[in-house]
Protein backbone atom coordinates (compact mmCIF):
# COMPACT_ATOMS: atom_id res chain seq x y z
CA MET A 1 12.85 134.29 211.35
CA SER A 2 15.24 134.76 208.45
CA LEU A 3 13.37 134.64 205.14
CA LEU A 4 14.50 132.49 202.22
CA ARG A 5 16.00 134.45 199.34
CA ASP A 6 17.42 133.93 195.86
CA ALA A 7 18.84 130.43 195.26
CA ASP A 8 17.66 129.10 198.65
CA LEU A 9 14.09 130.09 197.86
CA ALA A 10 14.28 128.67 194.33
CA HIS A 11 15.55 125.35 195.70
CA ALA A 12 12.73 125.25 198.25
CA PHE A 13 10.20 125.77 195.47
CA ASP A 14 11.95 123.07 193.41
CA HIS A 15 11.25 120.55 196.17
CA ALA A 16 7.69 121.76 196.81
CA SER A 17 6.80 121.68 193.12
CA ARG A 18 5.82 117.99 193.42
CA THR A 19 2.77 118.82 195.55
CA TYR A 20 2.30 122.56 194.96
CA ASP A 21 -0.64 122.29 192.58
CA ARG A 22 -2.51 120.02 194.99
CA MET A 23 -1.94 122.47 197.82
CA THR A 24 -3.11 125.53 195.91
CA SER A 25 -6.11 123.73 194.43
CA ALA A 26 -7.25 122.96 197.98
CA SER A 27 -7.17 126.67 198.87
CA PRO A 28 -10.69 128.14 198.47
CA GLY A 29 -10.74 130.79 195.79
CA TYR A 30 -7.07 130.49 194.78
CA HIS A 31 -7.67 130.07 191.04
CA ARG A 32 -10.75 132.30 190.94
CA HIS A 33 -8.79 135.11 192.55
CA LEU A 34 -5.95 134.76 190.06
CA LEU A 35 -8.47 135.00 187.24
CA ARG A 36 -10.08 138.05 188.81
CA SER A 37 -6.68 139.77 188.91
CA ALA A 38 -5.81 138.70 185.35
CA ARG A 39 -9.07 140.20 184.09
CA ARG A 40 -8.13 143.44 185.80
CA LEU A 41 -5.43 143.89 183.16
CA ALA A 42 -8.44 144.72 180.95
CA LEU A 43 -6.66 143.93 177.68
CA PRO A 44 -8.97 144.67 174.72
CA ASP A 45 -9.87 142.25 171.92
CA GLY A 46 -8.93 139.23 174.00
CA GLY A 47 -5.35 140.48 174.07
CA ARG A 48 -4.93 140.19 170.30
CA GLY A 49 -1.63 141.76 169.26
CA ARG A 50 -0.58 142.29 172.90
CA SER A 51 2.41 140.81 174.71
CA VAL A 52 2.19 139.92 178.41
CA LEU A 53 5.03 139.02 180.79
CA ASP A 54 3.99 136.65 183.58
CA LEU A 55 6.59 137.15 186.31
CA GLY A 56 6.87 134.38 188.89
CA CYS A 57 4.64 132.07 186.87
CA GLY A 58 5.38 129.00 189.01
CA THR A 59 3.60 125.89 187.75
CA GLY A 60 1.51 127.96 185.35
CA ALA A 61 -1.60 128.81 187.39
CA SER A 62 -1.18 132.52 186.70
CA THR A 63 -0.41 131.77 183.04
CA ARG A 64 -3.65 129.81 182.74
CA ALA A 65 -5.55 132.71 184.32
CA LEU A 66 -4.00 135.12 181.80
CA LEU A 67 -5.02 132.90 178.90
CA ARG A 68 -8.59 132.78 180.15
CA ALA A 69 -8.64 136.57 180.50
CA ALA A 70 -6.79 137.33 177.23
CA PRO A 71 -6.64 134.17 175.08
CA GLU A 72 -5.18 135.95 172.05
CA ALA A 73 -2.24 137.55 173.88
CA SER A 74 1.36 136.40 173.57
CA VAL A 75 2.32 135.30 177.09
CA THR A 76 5.86 134.74 178.40
CA GLY A 77 6.04 132.99 181.76
CA VAL A 78 9.22 133.43 183.82
CA ASP A 79 10.24 131.74 187.06
CA ALA A 80 13.45 131.22 189.04
CA SER A 81 12.53 127.66 190.08
CA ALA A 82 13.41 124.94 187.59
CA GLY A 83 11.15 122.51 189.42
CA MET A 84 8.11 124.76 189.19
CA LEU A 85 8.76 125.44 185.50
CA ASP A 86 9.13 121.73 184.82
CA ARG A 87 5.61 121.24 186.19
CA ALA A 88 4.35 124.08 184.03
CA LEU A 89 5.95 122.62 180.91
CA ARG A 90 4.23 119.27 181.43
CA LYS A 91 0.86 120.93 180.88
CA PRO A 92 -0.69 121.58 177.45
CA TRP A 93 -0.25 125.12 176.16
CA PRO A 94 -1.15 126.89 172.93
CA PRO A 95 1.67 128.21 170.71
CA ASN A 96 1.26 131.79 172.02
CA VAL A 97 2.72 130.73 175.41
CA THR A 98 6.44 130.37 176.14
CA PHE A 99 8.39 129.84 179.36
CA VAL A 100 11.81 131.09 180.47
CA HIS A 101 13.87 129.92 183.43
CA ALA A 102 15.38 133.00 185.09
CA PRO A 103 15.25 135.00 188.31
CA VAL A 104 13.53 138.33 187.96
CA GLU A 105 16.87 140.01 188.58
CA GLY A 106 18.38 138.17 185.60
CA LEU A 107 15.77 138.75 182.92
CA ALA A 108 18.06 140.59 180.52
CA GLY A 109 20.60 137.78 180.57
CA ALA A 110 17.83 135.31 179.71
CA GLY A 111 16.73 137.36 176.71
CA VAL A 112 13.62 138.80 178.38
CA ASP A 113 13.94 142.42 177.35
CA GLY A 114 10.51 143.56 176.14
CA PRO A 115 8.94 145.89 175.59
CA TYR A 116 5.69 144.35 176.82
CA ASP A 117 2.17 145.69 176.72
CA ALA A 118 1.45 144.30 180.18
CA VAL A 119 3.18 142.67 183.15
CA PHE A 120 1.40 140.35 185.57
CA ALA A 121 3.13 139.38 188.81
CA ALA A 122 1.47 136.95 191.23
CA TYR A 123 2.96 136.29 194.67
CA LEU A 124 6.30 137.72 193.58
CA PHE A 125 7.21 140.96 195.29
CA ARG A 126 7.32 139.78 198.92
CA ASN A 127 9.74 137.06 197.77
CA VAL A 128 12.41 139.34 196.31
CA ALA A 129 15.19 140.99 198.29
CA ASP A 130 14.86 144.35 196.50
CA PRO A 131 11.25 145.06 195.49
CA ASP A 132 12.08 148.62 194.44
CA GLY A 133 14.79 147.36 192.12
CA VAL A 134 12.40 144.82 190.62
CA LEU A 135 9.75 147.49 190.10
CA ASP A 136 12.33 149.59 188.28
CA ARG A 137 13.09 146.62 185.99
CA VAL A 138 9.39 146.01 185.41
CA ARG A 139 8.82 149.63 184.52
CA GLY A 140 11.66 149.43 182.01
CA LEU A 141 10.12 146.34 180.39
CA LEU A 142 6.76 148.01 179.81
CA ARG A 143 5.84 150.17 176.86
CA PRO A 144 4.80 153.71 177.80
CA GLY A 145 1.21 153.34 178.93
CA GLY A 146 1.74 149.60 179.51
CA ARG A 147 -0.25 147.98 182.29
CA LEU A 148 0.94 146.36 185.50
CA VAL A 149 -1.15 144.06 187.67
CA VAL A 150 0.27 142.64 190.90
CA HIS A 151 -1.64 139.86 192.67
CA GLU A 152 -0.19 139.59 196.16
CA TYR A 153 -0.65 138.67 199.78
CA ALA A 154 -0.45 142.20 201.22
CA LEU A 155 -2.37 142.56 204.44
CA GLY A 156 -4.81 145.32 205.19
CA SER A 157 -4.23 147.68 208.09
CA ARG A 158 -6.47 145.93 210.63
CA ALA A 159 -5.14 143.53 213.25
CA VAL A 160 -7.79 140.98 212.29
CA HIS A 161 -6.15 140.54 208.88
CA ARG A 162 -2.87 139.43 210.49
CA ALA A 163 -4.78 137.19 212.89
CA VAL A 164 -6.75 135.44 210.13
CA TRP A 165 -3.60 134.93 208.05
CA SER A 166 -1.71 133.36 210.95
CA ALA A 167 -4.69 131.20 211.91
CA VAL A 168 -4.98 129.76 208.39
CA MET A 169 -1.25 129.16 208.19
CA GLY A 170 -1.13 127.45 211.58
CA ALA A 171 -4.19 125.27 211.02
CA VAL A 172 -3.75 124.29 207.37
CA VAL A 173 -0.64 125.37 205.49
CA LEU A 174 2.14 124.69 207.99
CA PRO A 175 0.87 121.16 208.75
CA TRP A 176 0.78 120.54 204.98
CA GLY A 177 4.39 121.72 204.70
CA ARG A 178 5.58 119.50 207.53
CA ARG A 179 3.77 116.48 206.09
CA HIS A 180 5.43 116.91 202.68
CA GLY A 181 8.92 117.89 203.79
CA ASP A 182 8.51 121.57 202.90
CA LYS A 183 8.35 123.12 206.36
CA ALA A 184 10.96 125.80 205.60
CA LEU A 185 9.13 127.04 202.49
CA TYR A 186 5.76 127.39 204.18
CA ARG A 187 7.24 129.02 207.25
CA HIS A 188 8.81 131.48 204.81
CA LEU A 189 5.40 132.00 203.20
CA TRP A 190 3.84 132.75 206.60
CA HIS A 191 6.46 135.26 207.69
CA SER A 192 7.04 136.82 204.27
CA VAL A 193 3.46 138.07 204.35
CA LEU A 194 3.67 139.34 207.91
CA ASP A 195 6.92 141.17 207.12
CA PHE A 196 5.83 142.60 203.76
CA ASP A 197 4.17 145.93 203.01
CA THR A 198 0.57 146.46 203.98
CA ALA A 199 -1.69 146.99 200.98
CA PRO A 200 -1.61 150.81 201.32
CA ALA A 201 2.18 150.76 201.71
CA PHE A 202 2.68 148.66 198.58
CA ALA A 203 0.42 150.99 196.60
CA ASP A 204 2.62 153.88 197.73
CA ARG A 205 5.69 151.88 196.65
CA LEU A 206 4.19 151.53 193.16
CA ARG A 207 3.57 155.27 192.93
CA ARG A 208 7.14 156.06 194.03
CA ALA A 209 8.38 153.68 191.31
CA GLY A 210 6.69 155.81 188.67
CA PHE A 211 3.42 153.98 188.07
CA GLY A 212 0.31 156.02 187.48
CA GLY A 213 -3.35 155.30 188.15
CA VAL A 214 -2.51 152.96 191.05
CA ARG A 215 -5.52 151.20 192.51
CA VAL A 216 -5.86 148.63 195.31
CA LEU A 217 -8.67 146.14 194.76
CA PRO A 218 -9.72 143.49 197.29
CA GLN A 219 -10.37 139.82 196.74
CA PRO A 220 -13.53 138.21 198.15
CA GLY A 221 -14.02 135.44 200.69
CA TRP A 222 -11.69 134.62 203.56
CA GLN A 223 -8.88 136.42 201.73
CA THR A 224 -10.55 139.82 202.07
CA GLY A 225 -7.96 142.03 203.70
CA ILE A 226 -5.23 139.48 202.90
CA THR A 227 -4.98 139.18 199.11
CA HIS A 228 -5.22 142.25 196.89
CA THR A 229 -4.91 143.20 193.25
CA PHE A 230 -2.77 146.25 192.53
CA THR A 231 -3.16 147.91 189.15
CA GLY A 232 -1.24 150.72 187.49
CA PHE A 233 0.41 151.77 184.26
CA ARG A 234 3.78 153.06 183.11
CA ARG A 235 3.53 156.80 182.74
CA ARG A 236 4.35 158.22 179.34
CA GLY A 237 7.50 160.32 179.22
CA PRO A 238 10.52 160.16 181.57
CA PHE A 239 9.97 159.37 185.23
CA ARG A 240 11.36 161.91 187.68
CA GLY A 241 11.38 160.30 191.11
């Protein structure tokens, strides 16, 4: 199928924002896994004096995980969907959290120019048309030595990982989407994962983009082999690809 991109995807998330938190909260491990990835940023001193960019923050689940992992950090959440951001803004936040409405490709025009000490991106890269271009932008937003953590559905190399993903989508997520008028979005979710890099391939993509110390870390439970944390840092000095 043809995947949703850019404005079409943002509009689909706008509509789904009404029920998105209920859907994700019903997914076993969803919030625990986000917190596990946020902690893998390993920001010292509770993030005091550090700035973190939360790319694709949605309704704020990833932002909340970052605050639990680094409560003293300055966190900027960015999302292309006005509907998802509206849900995020309805929640209580401390003064060290701000939100910006912008696609990742339009960060500079929205005043998001860094530099940041860390970038966290949850469920973002399989949804962009040019992941290499986005990685280049992310690298440019990080200070030298700055940390990147990507939390993403990126399947392992075994056939069983694809089978489990499709079984969960067919039994749970797609029926939810049909029931709430969001069939197109959740079909996109299903196929975007199947079409995206495997976990080893995405790790290689990070290395080609100039990130050092790249590691691929699994998540527990049914998402083993389906959801991974990718960690790396911006190398000091110019990148020569």
